[in-house]
């Protein structure tokens, strides 16, 4: 009997609903990645539950990659581009005609067939978590040692990207042009905000494209803030003013001296250093959209929802007025001025 795909398996098991599957598929079309990753990101299913169901229904043995040593000759059997495309990592070659691999979706027989064709070997799959495979790809193909330590984040960033900021990385990747970057920087100087927000505002790229680029290029875990209930002790560590200034959302305590913070620009190491200095904590960043972080601040820091709604309306009005030639007053940025008021 043919193996059902991951979406069908989870639907049949009653783990997810049709609407949750459609939501994950829409996110996949927008941001890429494997379906399982998108189901976890949207909160439709827990990562451990996903692994358990897949192992039961496909009969594929589960493996965890921590401590697994992959030999260079085995790694060479699957090009990095193939590993990234299908989210797989080669483990061992039991014979000249077989290859053991770790994959996050053993129900994707088309992917396994493609890998068999590329390697000219019989593929023996093992089930591993999506994020562990991503970490292994970075470690073995890119030479980047990834850890959960917040103190190592700067080292990893500088090892992979030097001191380059978001704008430079986007221009290098061909996502935006130098003139679009200049336009966004000019808008940022005039209206404030972070660079990503301004790039989206001038239509240099969409927020979905920006998020996809950051999650794939910077390799920071992306989260859905709508499905997360932050720890009270994390919220107490960061003031509302700091959240609004840096567009961040504190969500968890990762350890005795570690604060997990969602941000929309994890390339901004100076911002992360400022947050670390002010809080006295090591900062572990995760990725969330600018709009999602703003909504988070509204939910968890602004008890007066009416006041938050007025703030939101005024902010939107200010952006809208810009399109008609208005600008903000220096004394009160929420007052719109048209023409010269001297």
Protein backbone atom coordinates (compact mmCIF):
# COMPACT_ATOMS: atom_id res chain seq x y z
CA UNK A 1 0.00 0.00 0.00
CA UNK A 2 1.47 3.41 -0.96
CA UNK A 3 2.58 5.67 1.86
CA UNK A 4 0.37 8.70 2.37
CA UNK A 5 1.95 12.15 2.42
CA UNK A 6 2.52 13.97 5.67
CA UNK A 7 -0.56 16.17 5.39
CA UNK A 8 -2.86 13.18 4.79
CA UNK A 9 -1.24 11.24 7.62
CA UNK A 10 -1.86 14.03 10.13
CA UNK A 11 -5.41 14.60 8.88
CA UNK A 12 -6.24 10.89 9.13
CA UNK A 13 -4.81 10.80 12.65
CA UNK A 14 -6.95 13.75 13.72
CA UNK A 15 -3.84 15.69 14.70
CA UNK A 16 -4.59 18.64 12.43
CA UNK A 17 -7.68 20.06 10.73
CA UNK A 18 -8.26 20.90 7.07
CA UNK A 19 -7.95 24.61 7.86
CA UNK A 20 -4.65 24.07 9.69
CA UNK A 21 -3.28 22.11 6.73
CA UNK A 22 -4.36 24.85 4.34
CA UNK A 23 -2.74 27.47 6.57
CA UNK A 24 0.56 25.56 6.55
CA UNK A 25 0.36 25.07 2.77
CA UNK A 26 -0.23 28.80 2.28
CA UNK A 27 2.79 29.57 4.45
CA UNK A 28 4.85 27.03 2.49
CA UNK A 29 3.89 28.66 -0.81
CA UNK A 30 4.83 32.05 0.60
CA UNK A 31 8.05 31.20 2.45
CA UNK A 32 9.17 27.82 1.15
CA UNK A 33 10.47 25.00 3.34
CA UNK A 34 9.03 21.55 4.00
CA UNK A 35 5.38 21.07 4.95
CA UNK A 36 6.22 19.61 8.35
CA UNK A 37 8.34 22.64 9.21
CA UNK A 38 5.45 24.93 8.28
CA UNK A 39 2.94 22.91 10.28
CA UNK A 40 5.15 23.27 13.36
CA UNK A 41 5.76 26.98 12.69
CA UNK A 42 2.02 27.72 12.48
CA UNK A 43 1.38 25.84 15.73
CA UNK A 44 -0.74 23.16 14.03
CA UNK A 45 1.36 20.36 15.51
CA UNK A 46 4.12 19.96 18.08
CA UNK A 47 7.53 18.89 16.74
CA UNK A 48 7.74 15.82 18.98
CA UNK A 49 4.20 14.76 18.09
CA UNK A 50 4.99 15.14 14.39
CA UNK A 51 8.03 12.89 14.76
CA UNK A 52 6.07 10.27 16.69
CA UNK A 53 3.23 10.08 14.14
CA UNK A 54 5.60 9.94 11.16
CA UNK A 55 7.64 7.15 12.75
CA UNK A 56 4.50 5.14 13.51
CA UNK A 57 2.80 5.58 10.15
CA UNK A 58 5.82 5.25 7.84
CA UNK A 59 7.70 2.58 9.79
CA UNK A 60 10.91 4.60 9.42
CA UNK A 61 13.28 4.50 12.39
CA UNK A 62 13.84 7.75 14.26
CA UNK A 63 17.32 9.15 14.80
CA UNK A 64 18.77 12.20 16.50
CA UNK A 65 21.83 13.76 14.91
CA UNK A 66 23.63 15.09 17.97
CA UNK A 67 26.87 13.15 18.27
CA UNK A 68 26.56 11.60 14.80
CA UNK A 69 29.84 11.80 12.85
CA UNK A 70 29.53 11.97 9.06
CA UNK A 71 32.61 11.02 7.06
CA UNK A 72 33.70 13.34 4.22
CA UNK A 73 33.42 10.62 1.54
CA UNK A 74 29.80 9.96 2.59
CA UNK A 75 28.99 13.67 2.67
CA UNK A 76 30.30 14.03 -0.87
CA UNK A 77 27.63 11.63 -2.16
CA UNK A 78 24.92 14.30 -1.78
CA UNK A 79 25.68 17.83 -3.02
CA UNK A 80 24.88 20.63 -0.60
CA UNK A 81 22.21 22.03 -2.96
CA UNK A 82 20.37 18.69 -2.91
CA UNK A 83 20.66 18.42 0.88
CA UNK A 84 19.19 21.92 1.31
CA UNK A 85 16.45 21.38 -1.28
CA UNK A 86 15.12 18.17 0.28
CA UNK A 87 16.30 18.79 3.87
CA UNK A 88 18.34 15.59 4.08
CA UNK A 89 21.81 14.67 5.27
CA UNK A 90 23.77 11.52 4.32
CA UNK A 91 24.70 9.31 7.27
CA UNK A 92 26.61 6.28 5.98
CA UNK A 93 27.09 4.06 2.93
CA UNK A 94 26.58 0.41 3.96
CA UNK A 95 27.56 -0.68 0.45
CA UNK A 96 28.52 0.73 -2.93
CA UNK A 97 24.88 0.69 -3.98
CA UNK A 98 23.13 1.95 -0.84
CA UNK A 99 23.05 5.13 1.19
CA UNK A 100 21.55 5.86 4.59
CA UNK A 101 20.16 9.37 4.98
CA UNK A 102 18.35 11.41 7.62
CA UNK A 103 15.23 13.16 6.37
CA UNK A 104 12.41 15.10 8.02
CA UNK A 105 9.64 13.70 5.79
CA UNK A 106 9.99 10.01 4.83
CA UNK A 107 6.49 10.15 3.34
CA UNK A 108 7.87 12.26 0.47
CA UNK A 109 8.66 9.37 -1.87
CA UNK A 110 9.27 11.73 -4.78
CA UNK A 111 12.13 13.37 -2.86
CA UNK A 112 13.60 9.98 -1.97
CA UNK A 113 13.36 8.89 -5.62
CA UNK A 114 15.15 12.06 -6.71
CA UNK A 115 17.96 11.45 -4.25
CA UNK A 116 18.24 7.81 -5.39
CA UNK A 117 18.52 8.99 -9.00
CA UNK A 118 21.14 11.65 -8.19
CA UNK A 119 23.30 9.31 -6.11
CA UNK A 120 22.59 6.14 -8.14
CA UNK A 121 22.08 4.29 -4.86
CA UNK A 122 19.27 2.65 -2.94
CA UNK A 123 18.16 5.11 -0.28
CA UNK A 124 17.58 3.93 3.29
CA UNK A 125 15.83 6.75 5.15
CA UNK A 126 15.91 7.58 8.84
CA UNK A 127 13.60 10.13 10.44
CA UNK A 128 15.20 13.19 12.09
CA UNK A 129 13.82 16.58 13.22
CA UNK A 130 13.88 19.33 10.62
CA UNK A 131 15.97 21.70 12.73
CA UNK A 132 18.58 19.02 13.53
CA UNK A 133 19.05 18.36 9.81
CA UNK A 134 19.39 22.10 9.16
CA UNK A 135 22.05 22.32 11.87
CA UNK A 136 23.89 19.31 10.39
CA UNK A 137 23.83 20.85 6.90
CA UNK A 138 25.37 24.05 8.23
CA UNK A 139 27.95 22.16 10.23
CA UNK A 140 29.12 19.69 7.59
CA UNK A 141 28.64 21.64 4.37
CA UNK A 142 29.37 25.18 5.57
CA UNK A 143 31.72 24.46 8.47
CA UNK A 144 29.55 26.40 10.91
CA UNK A 145 29.30 25.03 14.42
CA UNK A 146 25.81 25.89 15.68
CA UNK A 147 25.00 25.81 19.36
CA UNK A 148 22.15 26.89 21.58
CA UNK A 149 24.40 29.29 23.40
CA UNK A 150 23.46 32.94 23.00
CA UNK A 151 27.11 33.93 23.47
CA UNK A 152 28.05 31.97 20.34
CA UNK A 153 25.52 33.73 18.10
CA UNK A 154 27.81 36.66 17.32
CA UNK A 155 30.69 34.29 16.49
CA UNK A 156 28.50 32.32 14.10
CA UNK A 157 27.17 35.46 12.43
CA UNK A 158 30.63 36.95 11.97
CA UNK A 159 32.01 33.62 10.77
CA UNK A 160 29.33 33.35 8.09
CA UNK A 161 28.61 36.97 7.16
CA UNK A 162 31.35 39.13 8.69
CA UNK A 163 29.96 42.43 9.94
CA UNK A 164 27.48 42.82 7.08
CA UNK A 165 24.07 44.21 7.90
CA UNK A 166 20.70 43.39 6.41
CA UNK A 167 20.86 45.88 3.55
CA UNK A 168 24.22 44.63 2.31
CA UNK A 169 23.12 41.01 2.48
CA UNK A 170 19.92 41.73 0.53
CA UNK A 171 21.81 43.63 -2.19
CA UNK A 172 24.40 40.85 -2.47
CA UNK A 173 21.65 38.26 -2.83
CA UNK A 174 19.96 40.29 -5.58
CA UNK A 175 16.82 40.70 -3.46
CA UNK A 176 16.94 44.51 -3.71
CA UNK A 177 18.89 47.06 -5.74
CA UNK A 178 21.34 49.62 -4.30
CA UNK A 179 18.89 52.41 -5.20
CA UNK A 180 16.09 50.64 -3.30
CA UNK A 181 18.37 50.32 -0.29
CA UNK A 182 19.16 54.03 -0.49
CA UNK A 183 15.45 54.83 -0.73
CA UNK A 184 14.68 52.74 2.34
CA UNK A 185 17.54 54.35 4.30
CA UNK A 186 16.27 57.81 3.37
CA UNK A 187 12.79 56.86 4.54
CA UNK A 188 14.24 55.40 7.75
CA UNK A 189 16.07 58.68 8.50
CA UNK A 190 12.84 60.60 7.96
CA UNK A 191 10.29 58.34 9.65
CA UNK A 192 12.38 56.06 11.88
CA UNK A 193 11.74 52.36 12.30
CA UNK A 194 13.99 49.48 11.36
CA UNK A 195 15.40 48.97 7.86
CA UNK A 196 13.32 45.89 7.04
CA UNK A 197 10.09 47.73 7.80
CA UNK A 198 11.13 50.59 5.50
CA UNK A 199 12.14 48.24 2.68
CA UNK A 200 8.69 46.67 2.82
CA UNK A 201 7.03 50.10 3.03
CA UNK A 202 8.64 51.28 -0.25
CA UNK A 203 7.76 47.92 -1.88
CA UNK A 204 11.39 46.92 -2.39
CA UNK A 205 10.31 43.43 -1.31
CA UNK A 206 7.46 41.80 0.56
CA UNK A 207 7.55 40.93 4.23
CA UNK A 208 7.15 37.26 3.28
CA UNK A 209 10.22 37.46 1.01
CA UNK A 210 12.20 39.23 3.74
CA UNK A 211 11.29 36.62 6.36
CA UNK A 212 12.11 33.76 4.01
CA UNK A 213 15.50 35.31 3.20
CA UNK A 214 16.39 35.84 6.86
CA UNK A 215 15.35 32.36 8.00
CA UNK A 216 17.25 30.67 5.17
CA UNK A 217 20.31 32.92 5.03
CA UNK A 218 20.85 33.78 8.68
CA UNK A 219 19.65 30.39 9.95
CA UNK A 220 17.75 31.77 12.93
CA UNK A 221 14.70 29.84 14.00
CA UNK A 222 11.44 31.46 12.90
CA UNK A 223 8.50 31.45 15.29
CA UNK A 224 4.80 32.31 15.16
CA UNK A 225 4.18 34.79 18.00
CA UNK A 226 0.43 34.22 17.74
CA UNK A 227 0.87 30.71 19.15
CA UNK A 228 3.31 31.59 21.94
CA UNK A 229 2.49 32.59 25.49
CA UNK A 230 5.56 34.42 26.82
CA UNK A 231 7.00 33.69 30.24
CA UNK A 232 6.11 36.46 32.74
CA UNK A 233 9.74 36.64 33.91
CA UNK A 234 10.85 37.29 30.32
CA UNK A 235 8.36 40.14 29.93
CA UNK A 236 9.58 41.71 33.17
CA UNK A 237 13.14 41.82 31.85
CA UNK A 238 12.33 44.12 28.91
CA UNK A 239 10.37 47.35 29.08
CA UNK A 240 7.69 48.29 26.61
CA UNK A 241 9.81 51.27 25.48
CA UNK A 242 12.72 48.96 24.68
CA UNK A 243 10.45 46.57 22.77
CA UNK A 244 9.09 49.42 20.68
CA UNK A 245 12.49 51.01 20.09
CA UNK A 246 14.19 47.83 18.89
CA UNK A 247 11.09 45.96 17.62
CA UNK A 248 11.68 42.96 19.86
CA UNK A 249 9.52 40.55 21.87
CA UNK A 250 10.89 38.73 24.95
CA UNK A 251 9.35 35.27 25.06
CA UNK A 252 11.32 32.91 27.30
CA UNK A 253 14.21 32.41 29.69
CA UNK A 254 16.60 30.07 27.90
CA UNK A 255 18.74 29.49 30.98
CA UNK A 256 19.93 31.13 34.22
CA UNK A 257 21.35 34.12 32.36
CA UNK A 258 19.77 33.79 28.92
CA UNK A 259 16.81 35.64 27.44
CA UNK A 260 15.09 34.43 24.27
CA UNK A 261 14.00 37.42 22.20
CA UNK A 262 12.07 37.54 18.94
CA UNK A 263 13.34 40.20 16.55
CA UNK A 264 12.72 41.15 12.95
CA UNK A 265 16.39 41.84 12.11
CA UNK A 266 18.78 39.29 13.65
CA UNK A 267 21.66 40.78 11.60
CA UNK A 268 21.63 43.86 13.85
CA UNK A 269 24.29 42.76 16.32
CA UNK A 270 24.56 46.27 17.81
CA UNK A 271 20.88 46.14 18.73
CA UNK A 272 21.33 42.72 20.35
CA UNK A 273 24.35 44.05 22.27
CA UNK A 274 22.26 46.99 23.54
CA UNK A 275 19.48 44.69 24.72
CA UNK A 276 22.04 42.42 26.41
CA UNK A 277 23.67 45.41 28.16
CA UNK A 278 20.38 46.88 29.39
CA UNK A 279 18.94 43.56 30.61
CA UNK A 280 22.20 42.10 31.88
CA UNK A 281 21.33 38.88 30.04
CA UNK A 282 22.79 36.88 27.17
CA UNK A 283 20.38 37.30 24.25
CA UNK A 284 19.33 34.36 22.10
CA UNK A 285 17.48 35.74 19.04
CA UNK A 286 14.66 34.07 17.14
CA UNK A 287 12.95 35.47 14.06
CA UNK A 288 9.47 36.99 13.84
CA UNK A 289 7.91 39.53 11.49
CA UNK A 290 7.79 43.26 12.26
CA UNK A 291 3.99 43.24 12.29
CA UNK A 292 3.82 40.16 14.52
CA UNK A 293 6.13 41.80 17.06
CA UNK A 294 4.05 44.98 17.05
CA UNK A 295 0.94 42.89 17.70
CA UNK A 296 2.78 41.06 20.52
CA UNK A 297 3.66 44.38 22.16
CA UNK A 298 0.04 45.43 21.93
CA UNK A 299 -1.18 42.22 23.56
CA UNK A 300 1.31 41.97 26.39
CA UNK A 301 2.43 45.51 27.22
CA UNK A 302 -0.55 47.72 26.49
CA UNK A 303 -3.27 46.94 29.02
CA UNK A 304 -5.42 49.73 27.59
CA UNK A 305 -6.47 48.17 24.31
CA UNK A 306 -8.32 51.31 23.30
CA UNK A 307 -5.12 53.29 23.69
CA UNK A 308 -3.26 50.69 21.64
CA UNK A 309 -5.87 50.91 18.91
CA UNK A 310 -5.51 54.70 18.86
CA UNK A 311 -1.73 54.34 18.64
CA UNK A 312 -2.12 51.87 15.78
CA UNK A 313 -4.53 54.14 13.94
CA UNK A 314 -2.29 57.18 14.38
CA UNK A 315 0.74 55.26 13.14
CA UNK A 316 -1.16 54.03 10.08
CA UNK A 317 -2.51 57.53 9.48
CA UNK A 318 0.99 58.96 9.58
CA UNK A 319 2.19 56.46 6.98
CA UNK A 320 -0.87 57.15 4.84
CA UNK A 321 -0.34 60.92 5.04
CA UNK A 322 3.21 60.48 3.79
CA UNK A 323 1.79 59.23 0.51
CA UNK A 324 0.01 62.58 0.13
CA UNK A 325 3.05 64.75 0.89
CA UNK A 326 2.61 65.17 4.63
CA UNK A 327 5.33 64.88 7.24
CA UNK A 328 5.42 64.47 11.00
CA UNK A 329 5.88 67.38 13.36
CA UNK A 330 9.18 67.29 15.26
CA UNK A 331 7.43 68.03 18.57
CA UNK A 332 4.73 65.40 18.03
CA UNK A 333 5.34 62.79 15.30
CA UNK A 334 1.65 61.95 15.32
CA UNK A 335 0.70 65.43 14.06
CA UNK A 336 0.69 65.57 10.27
CA UNK A 337 1.95 68.74 8.58
CA UNK A 338 1.34 69.60 4.92
CA UNK A 339 3.58 72.11 3.15
CA UNK A 340 5.65 74.74 4.92
CA UNK A 341 4.17 75.78 8.26
CA UNK A 342 6.49 78.68 9.07
